[in-house]
Amino acid sequence: MNKKVSRWIIIIVVVLLIGGGSSAWIQTSNRLNAEQQVYQAQWSQVENQMQRRYDLIPNVVASVKGDMHQEQRVFDSIAKARSNYAKATNTTDKMKADAQVNSSVGNLISVIHERYPQLNSDKRVHELILELEGSENRISVERQRYIRDVQAYNLSIMNFPSSIVAKAKGMKPQSYYQATKDAQKAPAVDLDN
């Protein structure tokens, strides 16, 4: 009877070890899969923010340029009329130049009162700067999250005992976000082209 009990104990211990090992393997495999999905989803979010910037910035720049061109036309008209007045040497020329100044100032007052189009390029340029900063900050935050998630994944596949499961599944360490060499240069925003 003693031999039968010993065999059963050995069989139970072996089954428990195999079952426990299989359970640990499955849990580790599932955790690694989840971490892999986290860093992949985070990279997708980085790309999402870069796409947002790509879509947004040209539209904001075009809007600012439109406001600036309208303002420039109004102020150029006033400057030209004032210049003509300063150049006038006789009464007739001064009256013509004064009419131009009056007309230009009237246009300016009309534009200001009607608020169409608004003279607000300073505000629009400020808004453009805020949009640029906001886009870059969003991208920076998402890149930081990506780096954090890749680090967690890489540590999991390198640390024992999960490294055994990772190696069996063919999982390899992922690269961290790397800025390009061009990233060391500040981007140029050209409002004239």
Protein backbone atom coordinates (compact mmCIF):
# COMPACT_ATOMS: atom_id res chain seq x y z
CA MET A 1 0.00 0.00 0.00
CA ASN A 2 2.85 2.26 0.74
CA LYS A 3 4.16 1.94 -2.87
CA LYS A 4 0.72 2.73 -4.30
CA VAL A 5 0.37 5.87 -2.18
CA SER A 6 3.89 6.98 -3.14
CA ARG A 7 3.11 6.56 -6.84
CA TRP A 8 -0.11 8.52 -6.51
CA ILE A 9 1.68 11.28 -4.66
CA ILE A 10 4.35 11.42 -7.38
CA ILE A 11 1.68 11.46 -10.11
CA ILE A 12 -0.24 14.22 -8.33
CA VAL A 13 2.92 16.27 -7.81
CA VAL A 14 3.90 15.85 -11.49
CA VAL A 15 0.40 16.81 -12.65
CA LEU A 16 0.42 19.85 -10.34
CA LEU A 17 3.85 20.91 -11.58
CA ILE A 18 2.84 20.49 -15.23
CA GLY A 19 -0.48 22.29 -14.60
CA GLY A 20 1.20 25.08 -12.63
CA GLY A 21 3.92 25.46 -15.24
CA SER A 22 1.36 25.54 -18.04
CA SER A 23 -0.72 28.09 -16.15
CA ALA A 24 2.33 30.29 -15.52
CA TRP A 25 3.32 29.96 -19.20
CA ILE A 26 -0.16 30.98 -20.37
CA GLN A 27 -0.35 33.93 -17.96
CA THR A 28 3.09 35.17 -18.98
CA SER A 29 2.28 34.73 -22.66
CA ASN A 30 -0.97 36.68 -22.26
CA ARG A 31 0.78 39.47 -20.33
CA LEU A 32 3.45 39.77 -23.02
CA ASN A 33 0.79 39.86 -25.73
CA ALA A 34 -1.04 42.61 -23.84
CA GLU A 35 2.15 44.66 -23.43
CA GLN A 36 2.88 44.25 -27.11
CA GLN A 37 -0.58 45.57 -27.95
CA VAL A 38 -0.11 48.52 -25.58
CA TYR A 39 3.07 49.78 -27.23
CA GLN A 40 1.64 49.19 -30.71
CA ALA A 41 -1.52 51.12 -29.83
CA GLN A 42 0.60 53.89 -28.35
CA TRP A 43 2.61 54.19 -31.57
CA SER A 44 -0.68 54.49 -33.40
CA GLN A 45 -1.55 57.40 -31.09
CA VAL A 46 1.79 59.06 -31.90
CA GLU A 47 0.95 58.77 -35.59
CA ASN A 48 -2.56 60.08 -34.89
CA GLN A 49 -1.14 63.24 -33.34
CA MET A 50 1.35 63.67 -36.17
CA GLN A 51 -1.52 63.36 -38.66
CA ARG A 52 -3.50 65.93 -36.66
CA ARG A 53 -0.57 68.33 -36.97
CA TYR A 54 -0.17 67.54 -40.66
CA ASP A 55 -3.86 68.26 -41.31
CA LEU A 56 -4.23 71.26 -39.01
CA ILE A 57 -1.18 73.44 -39.52
CA PRO A 58 -1.59 74.21 -43.26
CA ASN A 59 -5.22 75.22 -42.65
CA VAL A 60 -4.34 77.50 -39.74
CA VAL A 61 -1.44 79.03 -41.70
CA ALA A 62 -3.73 79.66 -44.69
CA SER A 63 -6.28 81.32 -42.43
CA VAL A 64 -3.66 83.57 -40.86
CA LYS A 65 -2.26 84.45 -44.28
CA GLY A 66 -5.75 85.43 -45.46
CA ASP A 67 -6.25 87.74 -42.50
CA MET A 68 -2.79 89.23 -42.91
CA HIS A 69 -3.30 89.91 -46.63
CA GLN A 70 -6.61 91.70 -46.00
CA GLU A 71 -5.05 93.84 -43.29
CA GLN A 72 -2.05 94.54 -45.48
CA ARG A 73 -4.30 95.81 -48.30
CA VAL A 74 -6.12 98.20 -45.94
CA PHE A 75 -2.94 99.54 -44.38
CA ASP A 76 -1.11 99.76 -47.73
CA SER A 77 -3.99 101.85 -49.07
CA ILE A 78 -3.71 104.24 -46.12
CA ALA A 79 0.10 104.44 -46.41
CA LYS A 80 -0.11 105.15 -50.15
CA ALA A 81 -2.72 107.87 -49.63
CA ARG A 82 -0.62 109.49 -46.90
CA SER A 83 2.46 109.33 -49.14
CA ASN A 84 0.54 110.97 -51.99
CA TYR A 85 -0.60 113.71 -49.62
CA ALA A 86 2.98 114.31 -48.45
CA LYS A 87 4.17 114.54 -52.09
CA ALA A 88 1.40 116.92 -53.16
CA THR A 89 2.72 120.35 -54.05
CA ASN A 90 -0.45 122.21 -55.06
CA THR A 91 -3.99 122.47 -53.76
CA THR A 92 -5.52 120.21 -56.41
CA ASP A 93 -3.06 117.40 -55.70
CA LYS A 94 -3.52 117.87 -51.94
CA MET A 95 -7.31 117.63 -52.35
CA LYS A 96 -6.97 114.44 -54.41
CA ALA A 97 -4.56 112.99 -51.89
CA ASP A 98 -6.82 114.03 -49.01
CA ALA A 99 -9.74 112.29 -50.73
CA GLN A 100 -7.62 109.13 -50.96
CA VAL A 101 -6.75 109.37 -47.25
CA ASN A 102 -10.41 109.93 -46.38
CA SER A 103 -11.46 107.01 -48.54
CA SER A 104 -8.79 104.71 -47.07
CA VAL A 105 -9.56 105.71 -43.51
CA GLY A 106 -13.26 105.30 -44.28
CA ASN A 107 -12.57 101.80 -45.55
CA LEU A 108 -10.61 101.06 -42.39
CA ILE A 109 -13.41 102.36 -40.17
CA SER A 110 -15.96 100.43 -42.20
CA VAL A 111 -13.91 97.25 -41.87
CA ILE A 112 -13.53 97.78 -38.14
CA HIS A 113 -17.25 98.50 -37.62
CA GLU A 114 -18.48 95.73 -39.85
CA ARG A 115 -15.85 93.39 -38.46
CA TYR A 116 -15.70 91.81 -41.89
CA PRO A 117 -13.02 90.90 -42.42
CA GLN A 118 -11.69 91.45 -38.93
CA LEU A 119 -8.36 93.12 -38.50
CA ASN A 120 -6.91 90.50 -36.23
CA SER A 121 -3.71 89.07 -37.66
CA ASP A 122 -1.92 89.57 -34.33
CA LYS A 123 -4.57 87.43 -32.71
CA ARG A 124 -4.49 84.91 -35.57
CA VAL A 125 -0.69 84.69 -35.49
CA HIS A 126 -0.90 84.15 -31.74
CA GLU A 127 -3.50 81.43 -32.34
CA LEU A 128 -1.21 79.84 -34.94
CA ILE A 129 1.64 79.81 -32.45
CA LEU A 130 -0.62 78.24 -29.84
CA GLU A 131 -1.76 75.58 -32.33
CA LEU A 132 1.84 74.81 -33.27
CA GLU A 133 2.86 74.56 -29.62
CA GLY A 134 -0.19 72.48 -28.78
CA SER A 135 0.45 70.07 -31.64
CA GLU A 136 4.09 69.66 -30.73
CA ASN A 137 3.23 69.16 -27.05
CA ARG A 138 0.63 66.51 -27.90
CA ILE A 139 3.11 64.67 -30.07
CA SER A 140 5.79 64.92 -27.40
CA VAL A 141 3.45 63.49 -24.76
CA GLU A 142 2.46 60.59 -27.01
CA ARG A 143 6.10 59.87 -27.84
CA GLN A 144 6.93 59.81 -24.13
CA ARG A 145 4.10 57.34 -23.54
CA TYR A 146 5.33 55.20 -26.42
CA ILE A 147 8.85 55.16 -24.98
CA ARG A 148 7.46 54.18 -21.57
CA ASP A 149 5.37 51.37 -23.06
CA VAL A 150 8.26 50.04 -25.16
CA GLN A 151 10.45 50.09 -22.06
CA ALA A 152 7.89 48.04 -20.08
CA TYR A 153 7.58 45.55 -22.94
CA ASN A 154 11.34 45.26 -23.44
CA LEU A 155 11.89 44.69 -19.71
CA SER A 156 9.23 41.99 -19.66
CA ILE A 157 10.73 40.05 -22.55
CA MET A 158 14.23 40.37 -21.12
CA ASN A 159 13.51 39.50 -17.46
CA PHE A 160 13.47 35.93 -16.27
CA PRO A 161 11.22 33.88 -16.38
CA SER A 162 9.12 35.75 -18.95
CA SER A 163 12.17 35.88 -21.23
CA ILE A 164 11.77 32.12 -21.76
CA VAL A 165 8.19 32.56 -22.99
CA ALA A 166 9.14 35.59 -25.10
CA LYS A 167 12.01 33.73 -26.74
CA ALA A 168 9.75 30.75 -27.48
CA LYS A 169 7.21 33.11 -29.09
CA GLY A 170 9.88 34.88 -31.14
CA MET A 171 9.31 38.23 -29.39
CA LYS A 172 12.17 40.68 -29.77
CA PRO A 173 12.96 44.00 -28.09
CA GLN A 174 11.43 47.02 -29.82
CA SER A 175 13.24 50.22 -30.75
CA TYR A 176 12.59 53.35 -28.79
CA TYR A 177 11.45 56.50 -30.56
CA GLN A 178 14.42 58.13 -32.27
CA ALA A 179 14.33 61.70 -33.54
CA THR A 180 15.78 62.33 -36.98
CA LYS A 181 18.89 64.42 -37.47
CA ASP A 182 16.65 67.12 -38.95
CA ALA A 183 14.81 67.35 -35.62
CA GLN A 184 17.78 69.26 -34.24
CA LYS A 185 16.81 72.17 -36.51
CA ALA A 186 13.87 74.35 -35.62
CA PRO A 187 11.03 74.04 -38.17
CA ALA A 188 10.38 77.10 -40.32
CA VAL A 189 6.89 78.49 -40.72
CA ASP A 190 6.65 80.59 -43.89
CA LEU A 191 3.58 82.80 -44.04
CA ASP A 192 4.51 84.33 -47.40
CA ASN A 193 4.50 81.16 -49.57
